[in-house]
C-alpha cells in the first residue's frame, strides 16, 4: 500500500508502515466482546463474542451472573479489577480502563483490555448500569515482549 506523505517526521516510512500493519492486524483479527451490567441485580448482558470466550451458550436477551467474569479472571488480576469496579459502582469513577488476564473456555490465557463506563446512576449517585468493551490485546502484548527481547 503506498503511503501518503509521511506526517510524522520523527518516524521513518518503514516505522509508519509497520504501525499501519499492526493497526490493520488489530482491526481485522480482534474480536470485540461487550457487556452491560445492571449493578443492583448484578445481572449482565453480553454479546456472542464474550459468550464464546467464556464458554457460554448465547441468546440475545439472556442475562448472565457477573461472577462469570470474575471466575474467568486470573486470581492475581481479580483484586485490582474488582477494586476499580467498586469505584465505578459507588460513583467515584465514571470511566476506567482495566487490563487483566483471563482463561478462555478453550484453555488459552488471553490478555484483555476492558474499557468500562457508567451509563446511568441511581438516585443515591451509585452506578445503576455499566457497559464494557473487552478487546483481546494478547497479540499486541506478545509482540511488545518479543520486540523488547
N, C-alpha and C. Protein backbone atom coordinates (compact mmCIF):
# COMPACT_ATOMS: atom_id res chain seq x y z
N UNK A 1 0.86 -1.16 0.00
CA UNK A 1 0.00 0.00 0.00
C UNK A 1 0.91 1.23 0.00
N UNK A 2 0.73 2.12 -0.99
CA UNK A 2 1.57 3.32 -1.00
C UNK A 2 1.18 4.25 0.14
N UNK A 3 2.18 4.86 0.73
CA UNK A 3 1.94 5.78 1.84
C UNK A 3 1.79 7.20 1.32
N UNK A 4 0.88 7.96 1.95
CA UNK A 4 0.87 9.39 1.64
C UNK A 4 2.13 10.01 2.23
N UNK A 5 2.32 11.29 1.97
CA UNK A 5 3.48 11.98 2.56
C UNK A 5 3.49 11.73 4.06
N UNK A 6 4.62 11.30 4.57
CA UNK A 6 4.76 10.95 5.98
C UNK A 6 4.53 12.18 6.87
N UNK A 7 3.43 12.17 7.66
CA UNK A 7 3.15 13.32 8.53
C UNK A 7 3.93 13.29 9.84
N UNK A 8 4.72 12.24 10.05
CA UNK A 8 5.45 12.08 11.31
C UNK A 8 6.95 12.16 11.03
N UNK A 9 7.54 13.35 11.15
CA UNK A 9 8.96 13.50 10.80
C UNK A 9 9.91 12.70 11.68
N UNK A 10 9.46 12.32 12.88
CA UNK A 10 10.35 11.56 13.76
C UNK A 10 10.27 10.05 13.50
N UNK A 11 9.43 9.63 12.55
CA UNK A 11 9.32 8.21 12.20
C UNK A 11 9.74 8.01 10.75
N UNK A 12 10.40 6.89 10.50
CA UNK A 12 10.74 6.55 9.12
C UNK A 12 9.51 5.99 8.43
N UNK A 13 9.54 5.96 7.10
CA UNK A 13 8.42 5.37 6.36
C UNK A 13 8.22 3.91 6.76
N UNK A 14 9.32 3.21 7.01
CA UNK A 14 9.22 1.80 7.43
C UNK A 14 8.50 1.69 8.77
N UNK A 15 8.80 2.60 9.70
CA UNK A 15 8.13 2.57 11.00
C UNK A 15 6.63 2.88 10.86
N UNK A 16 6.30 3.84 10.01
CA UNK A 16 4.89 4.17 9.79
C UNK A 16 4.18 2.97 9.16
N UNK A 17 4.82 2.35 8.17
CA UNK A 17 4.24 1.18 7.51
C UNK A 17 4.02 0.05 8.52
N UNK A 18 5.00 -0.14 9.42
CA UNK A 18 4.88 -1.18 10.46
C UNK A 18 3.71 -0.88 11.39
N UNK A 19 3.55 0.38 11.77
CA UNK A 19 2.43 0.75 12.65
C UNK A 19 1.09 0.54 11.95
N UNK A 20 1.01 0.88 10.67
CA UNK A 20 -0.23 0.68 9.91
C UNK A 20 -0.56 -0.81 9.80
N UNK A 21 0.47 -1.63 9.58
CA UNK A 21 0.25 -3.07 9.50
C UNK A 21 -0.23 -3.61 10.85
N UNK A 22 0.36 -3.14 11.94
CA UNK A 22 -0.05 -3.55 13.28
C UNK A 22 -1.51 -3.16 13.52
N UNK A 23 -1.88 -1.92 13.15
CA UNK A 23 -3.25 -1.46 13.34
C UNK A 23 -4.23 -2.28 12.51
N UNK A 24 -3.87 -2.58 11.26
CA UNK A 24 -4.73 -3.39 10.41
C UNK A 24 -4.92 -4.79 11.00
N UNK A 25 -3.84 -5.37 11.53
CA UNK A 25 -3.93 -6.68 12.17
C UNK A 25 -4.88 -6.64 13.36
N UNK A 26 -4.74 -5.62 14.19
CA UNK A 26 -5.62 -5.48 15.36
C UNK A 26 -7.07 -5.39 14.92
N UNK A 27 -7.32 -4.57 13.90
CA UNK A 27 -8.70 -4.33 13.48
C UNK A 27 -9.31 -5.55 12.81
N UNK A 28 -8.54 -6.33 12.09
CA UNK A 28 -9.11 -7.46 11.37
C UNK A 28 -9.13 -8.75 12.17
N UNK A 29 -8.23 -8.89 13.14
CA UNK A 29 -8.16 -10.15 13.88
C UNK A 29 -8.82 -10.10 15.24
N UNK A 30 -9.12 -8.92 15.73
CA UNK A 30 -9.67 -8.80 17.08
C UNK A 30 -11.16 -9.10 17.11
N UNK A 31 -11.54 -9.81 18.13
CA UNK A 31 -12.96 -9.99 18.42
C UNK A 31 -13.27 -9.06 19.58
N UNK A 32 -14.22 -8.19 19.37
CA UNK A 32 -14.58 -7.25 20.42
C UNK A 32 -15.76 -7.84 21.18
N UNK A 33 -15.58 -7.99 22.47
CA UNK A 33 -16.62 -8.53 23.33
C UNK A 33 -17.22 -7.39 24.14
N UNK A 34 -18.53 -7.37 24.26
CA UNK A 34 -19.18 -6.30 25.01
C UNK A 34 -20.07 -6.87 26.10
N UNK A 35 -20.25 -6.06 27.14
CA UNK A 35 -21.14 -6.45 28.23
C UNK A 35 -21.82 -5.21 28.78
N UNK A 36 -22.97 -5.45 29.40
CA UNK A 36 -23.73 -4.39 30.07
C UNK A 36 -24.20 -4.98 31.39
N UNK A 37 -23.91 -4.29 32.49
CA UNK A 37 -24.21 -4.80 33.83
C UNK A 37 -25.24 -3.93 34.52
N UNK A 38 -26.28 -4.58 35.05
CA UNK A 38 -27.23 -3.91 35.94
C UNK A 38 -26.71 -4.14 37.35
N UNK A 39 -26.07 -3.12 37.92
CA UNK A 39 -25.37 -3.27 39.19
C UNK A 39 -26.27 -3.69 40.35
N UNK A 40 -27.49 -3.15 40.52
CA UNK A 40 -28.30 -3.59 41.66
C UNK A 40 -28.59 -5.09 41.67
N UNK A 41 -28.80 -5.69 40.50
CA UNK A 41 -29.10 -7.13 40.44
C UNK A 41 -27.87 -7.97 40.13
N UNK A 42 -26.78 -7.32 39.69
CA UNK A 42 -25.54 -7.99 39.27
C UNK A 42 -25.78 -8.95 38.10
N UNK A 43 -26.78 -8.64 37.29
CA UNK A 43 -27.04 -9.40 36.06
C UNK A 43 -26.39 -8.66 34.90
N UNK A 44 -25.79 -9.42 34.00
CA UNK A 44 -25.19 -8.78 32.84
C UNK A 44 -25.71 -9.39 31.56
N UNK A 45 -25.62 -8.57 30.53
CA UNK A 45 -25.99 -8.97 29.19
C UNK A 45 -24.73 -8.87 28.36
N UNK A 46 -24.45 -9.92 27.58
CA UNK A 46 -23.18 -10.00 26.85
C UNK A 46 -23.45 -10.27 25.38
N UNK A 47 -22.45 -9.99 24.55
CA UNK A 47 -22.60 -10.32 23.14
C UNK A 47 -22.05 -11.73 22.88
N UNK A 48 -22.21 -12.19 21.65
CA UNK A 48 -21.82 -13.57 21.33
C UNK A 48 -20.32 -13.79 21.45
N UNK A 49 -19.50 -12.77 21.18
CA UNK A 49 -18.04 -12.93 21.29
C UNK A 49 -17.62 -13.18 22.73
N UNK A 50 -18.25 -12.49 23.69
CA UNK A 50 -17.91 -12.71 25.10
C UNK A 50 -18.46 -14.05 25.57
N UNK A 51 -19.65 -14.42 25.11
CA UNK A 51 -20.20 -15.73 25.47
C UNK A 51 -19.27 -16.84 24.98
N UNK A 52 -18.75 -16.71 23.77
CA UNK A 52 -17.82 -17.71 23.23
C UNK A 52 -16.55 -17.78 24.07
N UNK A 53 -15.99 -16.64 24.42
CA UNK A 53 -14.77 -16.60 25.23
C UNK A 53 -15.00 -17.27 26.58
N UNK A 54 -16.18 -17.05 27.17
CA UNK A 54 -16.49 -17.61 28.49
C UNK A 54 -17.05 -19.03 28.43
N UNK A 55 -17.27 -19.55 27.22
CA UNK A 55 -17.79 -20.91 27.08
C UNK A 55 -19.27 -21.02 27.42
N UNK A 56 -20.01 -19.97 27.15
CA UNK A 56 -21.44 -19.95 27.45
C UNK A 56 -22.24 -20.01 26.16
N UNK A 57 -23.43 -20.61 26.25
CA UNK A 57 -24.34 -20.50 25.11
C UNK A 57 -24.89 -19.08 25.12
N UNK A 58 -25.24 -18.57 23.95
CA UNK A 58 -25.65 -17.17 23.87
C UNK A 58 -27.05 -17.04 23.30
N UNK A 59 -27.84 -16.22 23.96
CA UNK A 59 -29.14 -15.80 23.45
C UNK A 59 -29.25 -14.32 23.71
N UNK A 60 -29.83 -13.61 22.77
CA UNK A 60 -29.82 -12.14 22.78
C UNK A 60 -30.26 -11.52 24.10
N UNK A 61 -31.37 -11.88 24.66
CA UNK A 61 -31.89 -11.22 25.86
C UNK A 61 -31.60 -11.98 27.15
N UNK A 62 -30.76 -12.98 27.08
CA UNK A 62 -30.44 -13.77 28.27
C UNK A 62 -29.49 -13.00 29.18
N UNK A 63 -29.73 -13.07 30.48
CA UNK A 63 -28.81 -12.44 31.42
C UNK A 63 -27.89 -13.50 32.01
N UNK A 64 -26.72 -13.05 32.43
CA UNK A 64 -25.70 -13.92 32.98
C UNK A 64 -25.24 -13.32 34.31
N UNK A 65 -24.80 -14.15 35.25
CA UNK A 65 -24.29 -13.60 36.51
C UNK A 65 -22.92 -12.94 36.31
N UNK A 66 -22.70 -11.83 36.99
CA UNK A 66 -21.43 -11.10 36.90
C UNK A 66 -20.26 -11.98 37.31
N UNK A 67 -20.51 -12.96 38.16
CA UNK A 67 -19.44 -13.84 38.63
C UNK A 67 -18.73 -14.56 37.49
N UNK A 68 -19.41 -14.73 36.34
CA UNK A 68 -18.75 -15.37 35.19
C UNK A 68 -17.47 -14.63 34.81
N UNK A 69 -17.52 -13.30 34.83
CA UNK A 69 -16.32 -12.53 34.50
C UNK A 69 -15.24 -12.73 35.54
N UNK A 70 -15.65 -12.71 36.81
CA UNK A 70 -14.67 -12.87 37.89
C UNK A 70 -14.02 -14.24 37.85
N UNK A 71 -14.81 -15.26 37.57
CA UNK A 71 -14.27 -16.63 37.52
C UNK A 71 -13.27 -16.79 36.38
N UNK A 72 -13.47 -16.07 35.28
CA UNK A 72 -12.56 -16.19 34.14
C UNK A 72 -11.24 -15.46 34.38
N UNK A 73 -11.25 -14.45 35.26
CA UNK A 73 -10.04 -13.67 35.53
C UNK A 73 -9.03 -14.47 36.32
N UNK A 74 -7.77 -14.25 36.02
CA UNK A 74 -6.71 -14.86 36.83
C UNK A 74 -6.74 -14.27 38.22
N UNK A 75 -6.42 -15.08 39.20
CA UNK A 75 -6.50 -14.66 40.60
C UNK A 75 -5.66 -13.42 40.88
N UNK A 76 -4.47 -13.33 40.27
CA UNK A 76 -3.61 -12.18 40.56
C UNK A 76 -4.13 -10.89 39.94
N UNK A 77 -5.06 -10.98 39.00
CA UNK A 77 -5.65 -9.80 38.37
C UNK A 77 -6.98 -9.40 39.00
N UNK A 78 -7.64 -10.36 39.60
CA UNK A 78 -9.01 -10.17 40.07
C UNK A 78 -9.14 -9.03 41.08
N UNK A 79 -8.24 -8.98 42.06
CA UNK A 79 -8.36 -7.99 43.13
C UNK A 79 -8.34 -6.56 42.59
N UNK A 80 -7.39 -6.25 41.72
CA UNK A 80 -7.31 -4.88 41.20
C UNK A 80 -8.48 -4.55 40.29
N UNK A 81 -8.94 -5.53 39.50
CA UNK A 81 -10.09 -5.30 38.63
C UNK A 81 -11.35 -5.04 39.46
N UNK A 82 -11.55 -5.81 40.51
CA UNK A 82 -12.71 -5.62 41.38
C UNK A 82 -12.62 -4.27 42.09
N UNK A 83 -11.43 -3.86 42.50
CA UNK A 83 -11.27 -2.56 43.17
C UNK A 83 -11.71 -1.42 42.25
N UNK A 84 -11.35 -1.50 40.97
CA UNK A 84 -11.77 -0.48 40.02
C UNK A 84 -13.28 -0.53 39.83
N UNK A 85 -13.84 -1.73 39.71
CA UNK A 85 -15.29 -1.86 39.55
C UNK A 85 -16.02 -1.26 40.76
N UNK A 86 -15.51 -1.47 41.94
CA UNK A 86 -16.16 -0.91 43.13
C UNK A 86 -16.13 0.61 43.10
N UNK A 87 -15.05 1.20 42.60
CA UNK A 87 -15.01 2.66 42.46
C UNK A 87 -16.06 3.15 41.47
N UNK A 88 -16.26 2.38 40.42
CA UNK A 88 -17.31 2.72 39.45
C UNK A 88 -18.69 2.58 40.08
N UNK A 89 -18.90 1.50 40.83
CA UNK A 89 -20.21 1.25 41.43
C UNK A 89 -20.64 2.35 42.38
N UNK A 90 -19.71 2.84 43.20
CA UNK A 90 -20.09 3.83 44.22
C UNK A 90 -20.10 5.25 43.67
N UNK A 91 -19.68 5.43 42.44
CA UNK A 91 -19.74 6.76 41.83
C UNK A 91 -18.44 7.55 41.90
N UNK A 92 -17.36 6.93 42.37
CA UNK A 92 -16.07 7.63 42.42
C UNK A 92 -15.46 7.80 41.03
N UNK A 93 -15.77 6.90 40.12
CA UNK A 93 -15.28 6.96 38.74
C UNK A 93 -16.47 6.86 37.78
N UNK A 94 -16.32 7.46 36.62
CA UNK A 94 -17.33 7.34 35.56
C UNK A 94 -16.82 6.47 34.42
N UNK A 95 -15.51 6.32 34.35
CA UNK A 95 -14.89 5.61 33.23
C UNK A 95 -13.56 5.02 33.72
N UNK A 96 -13.23 3.84 33.23
CA UNK A 96 -11.95 3.22 33.60
C UNK A 96 -11.50 2.26 32.51
N UNK A 97 -10.20 2.12 32.40
CA UNK A 97 -9.59 1.10 31.54
C UNK A 97 -8.85 0.15 32.45
N UNK A 98 -9.12 -1.14 32.29
CA UNK A 98 -8.52 -2.16 33.14
C UNK A 98 -7.90 -3.22 32.23
N UNK A 99 -6.69 -3.63 32.55
CA UNK A 99 -6.04 -4.70 31.79
C UNK A 99 -5.85 -5.88 32.73
N UNK A 100 -6.27 -7.06 32.27
CA UNK A 100 -6.17 -8.26 33.09
C UNK A 100 -6.08 -9.48 32.19
N UNK A 101 -5.74 -10.61 32.81
CA UNK A 101 -5.67 -11.87 32.06
C UNK A 101 -6.85 -12.75 32.42
N UNK A 102 -7.33 -13.47 31.43
CA UNK A 102 -8.42 -14.42 31.64
C UNK A 102 -8.01 -15.75 31.03
N UNK A 103 -8.65 -16.80 31.51
CA UNK A 103 -8.52 -18.10 30.86
C UNK A 103 -9.80 -18.31 30.07
N UNK A 104 -9.66 -18.40 28.76
CA UNK A 104 -10.81 -18.60 27.89
C UNK A 104 -11.33 -20.02 28.04
N UNK A 105 -12.52 -20.25 27.54
CA UNK A 105 -13.13 -21.58 27.63
C UNK A 105 -12.28 -22.64 26.96
N UNK A 106 -11.50 -22.26 25.93
CA UNK A 106 -10.64 -23.22 25.23
C UNK A 106 -9.31 -23.46 25.95
N UNK A 107 -9.14 -22.83 27.14
CA UNK A 107 -7.94 -23.03 27.93
C UNK A 107 -6.83 -22.03 27.67
N UNK A 108 -6.95 -21.23 26.63
CA UNK A 108 -5.93 -20.24 26.32
C UNK A 108 -5.98 -19.08 27.31
N UNK A 109 -4.81 -18.60 27.68
CA UNK A 109 -4.72 -17.40 28.52
C UNK A 109 -4.69 -16.20 27.59
N UNK A 110 -5.60 -15.27 27.82
CA UNK A 110 -5.72 -14.08 26.98
C UNK A 110 -5.54 -12.83 27.84
N UNK A 111 -4.93 -11.81 27.29
CA UNK A 111 -4.81 -10.52 27.96
C UNK A 111 -5.89 -9.61 27.39
N UNK A 112 -6.68 -9.04 28.29
CA UNK A 112 -7.86 -8.26 27.91
C UNK A 112 -7.71 -6.83 28.38
N UNK A 113 -8.11 -5.91 27.54
CA UNK A 113 -8.27 -4.51 27.96
C UNK A 113 -9.76 -4.25 27.99
N UNK A 114 -10.26 -3.92 29.16
CA UNK A 114 -11.69 -3.66 29.35
C UNK A 114 -11.88 -2.16 29.56
N UNK A 115 -12.62 -1.54 28.69
CA UNK A 115 -12.97 -0.12 28.83
C UNK A 115 -14.38 -0.08 29.37
N UNK A 116 -14.52 0.47 30.57
CA UNK A 116 -15.79 0.44 31.30
C UNK A 116 -16.30 1.86 31.50
N UNK A 117 -17.61 2.04 31.33
CA UNK A 117 -18.24 3.34 31.57
C UNK A 117 -19.54 3.15 32.32
N UNK A 118 -19.82 4.09 33.22
CA UNK A 118 -21.12 4.14 33.89
C UNK A 118 -22.07 4.86 32.94
N UNK A 119 -23.23 4.25 32.65
CA UNK A 119 -24.15 4.89 31.72
C UNK A 119 -25.41 5.42 32.39
N UNK A 120 -25.68 5.01 33.64
CA UNK A 120 -26.78 5.62 34.39
C UNK A 120 -26.53 5.43 35.88
N UNK A 121 -27.16 6.30 36.67
CA UNK A 121 -26.99 6.29 38.12
C UNK A 121 -28.34 6.13 38.81
N UNK A 122 -28.29 5.57 40.02
CA UNK A 122 -29.46 5.55 40.89
C UNK A 122 -29.58 6.93 41.54
N UNK A 123 -30.69 7.16 42.22
CA UNK A 123 -30.89 8.45 42.88
C UNK A 123 -29.81 8.76 43.90
N UNK A 124 -29.26 7.74 44.56
CA UNK A 124 -28.22 7.93 45.57
C UNK A 124 -26.85 8.23 44.95
N UNK A 125 -26.74 8.22 43.64
CA UNK A 125 -25.47 8.52 42.98
C UNK A 125 -24.65 7.30 42.61
N UNK A 126 -25.09 6.12 43.05
CA UNK A 126 -24.35 4.91 42.68
C UNK A 126 -24.68 4.51 41.25
N UNK A 127 -23.76 3.78 40.65
CA UNK A 127 -23.96 3.31 39.28
C UNK A 127 -25.14 2.35 39.24
N UNK A 128 -25.98 2.52 38.23
CA UNK A 128 -27.07 1.58 38.01
C UNK A 128 -26.73 0.66 36.84
N UNK A 129 -26.33 1.23 35.72
CA UNK A 129 -25.92 0.46 34.55
C UNK A 129 -24.50 0.83 34.16
N UNK A 130 -23.71 -0.20 33.87
CA UNK A 130 -22.34 -0.01 33.38
C UNK A 130 -22.22 -0.78 32.07
N UNK A 131 -21.36 -0.31 31.22
CA UNK A 131 -21.11 -1.03 29.98
C UNK A 131 -19.60 -1.18 29.80
N UNK A 132 -19.20 -2.27 29.19
CA UNK A 132 -17.79 -2.52 28.99
C UNK A 132 -17.50 -3.12 27.63
N UNK A 133 -16.30 -2.87 27.15
CA UNK A 133 -15.84 -3.43 25.88
C UNK A 133 -14.52 -4.13 26.15
N UNK A 134 -14.49 -5.44 25.90
CA UNK A 134 -13.28 -6.23 26.04
C UNK A 134 -12.59 -6.30 24.69
N UNK A 135 -11.33 -5.93 24.68
CA UNK A 135 -10.53 -6.10 23.47
C UNK A 135 -9.37 -7.02 23.83
N UNK A 136 -9.24 -8.08 23.08
CA UNK A 136 -8.17 -9.05 23.31
C UNK A 136 -6.87 -8.45 22.78
N UNK A 137 -5.96 -8.12 23.68
CA UNK A 137 -4.69 -7.50 23.29
C UNK A 137 -3.52 -8.47 23.43
N UNK A 138 -3.82 -9.76 23.49
CA UNK A 138 -2.77 -10.76 23.68
C UNK A 138 -1.69 -10.67 22.61
N UNK A 139 -2.10 -10.57 21.34
CA UNK A 139 -1.11 -10.50 20.25
C UNK A 139 -0.23 -9.26 20.39
N UNK A 140 -0.82 -8.16 20.79
CA UNK A 140 -0.06 -6.92 20.98
C UNK A 140 0.94 -7.08 22.11
N UNK A 141 0.50 -7.65 23.22
CA UNK A 141 1.39 -7.85 24.37
C UNK A 141 2.54 -8.78 23.98
N UNK A 142 2.23 -9.86 23.28
CA UNK A 142 3.27 -10.79 22.86
C UNK A 142 4.26 -10.12 21.90
N UNK A 143 3.77 -9.27 21.01
CA UNK A 143 4.65 -8.57 20.07
C UNK A 143 5.56 -7.60 20.81
N UNK A 144 5.03 -6.93 21.82
CA UNK A 144 5.85 -5.99 22.61
C UNK A 144 6.93 -6.75 23.36
N UNK A 145 6.57 -7.89 23.94
CA UNK A 145 7.55 -8.71 24.67
C UNK A 145 8.64 -9.19 23.71
N UNK A 146 8.24 -9.68 22.54
CA UNK A 146 9.22 -10.17 21.57
C UNK A 146 10.12 -9.03 21.09
N UNK A 147 9.55 -7.86 20.87
CA UNK A 147 10.31 -6.71 20.40
C UNK A 147 11.32 -6.25 21.45
N UNK A 148 10.95 -6.31 22.72
CA UNK A 148 11.84 -5.82 23.78
C UNK A 148 12.97 -6.80 24.09
N UNK A 149 12.85 -8.04 23.66
CA UNK A 149 13.90 -9.03 23.94
C UNK A 149 14.96 -9.03 22.93
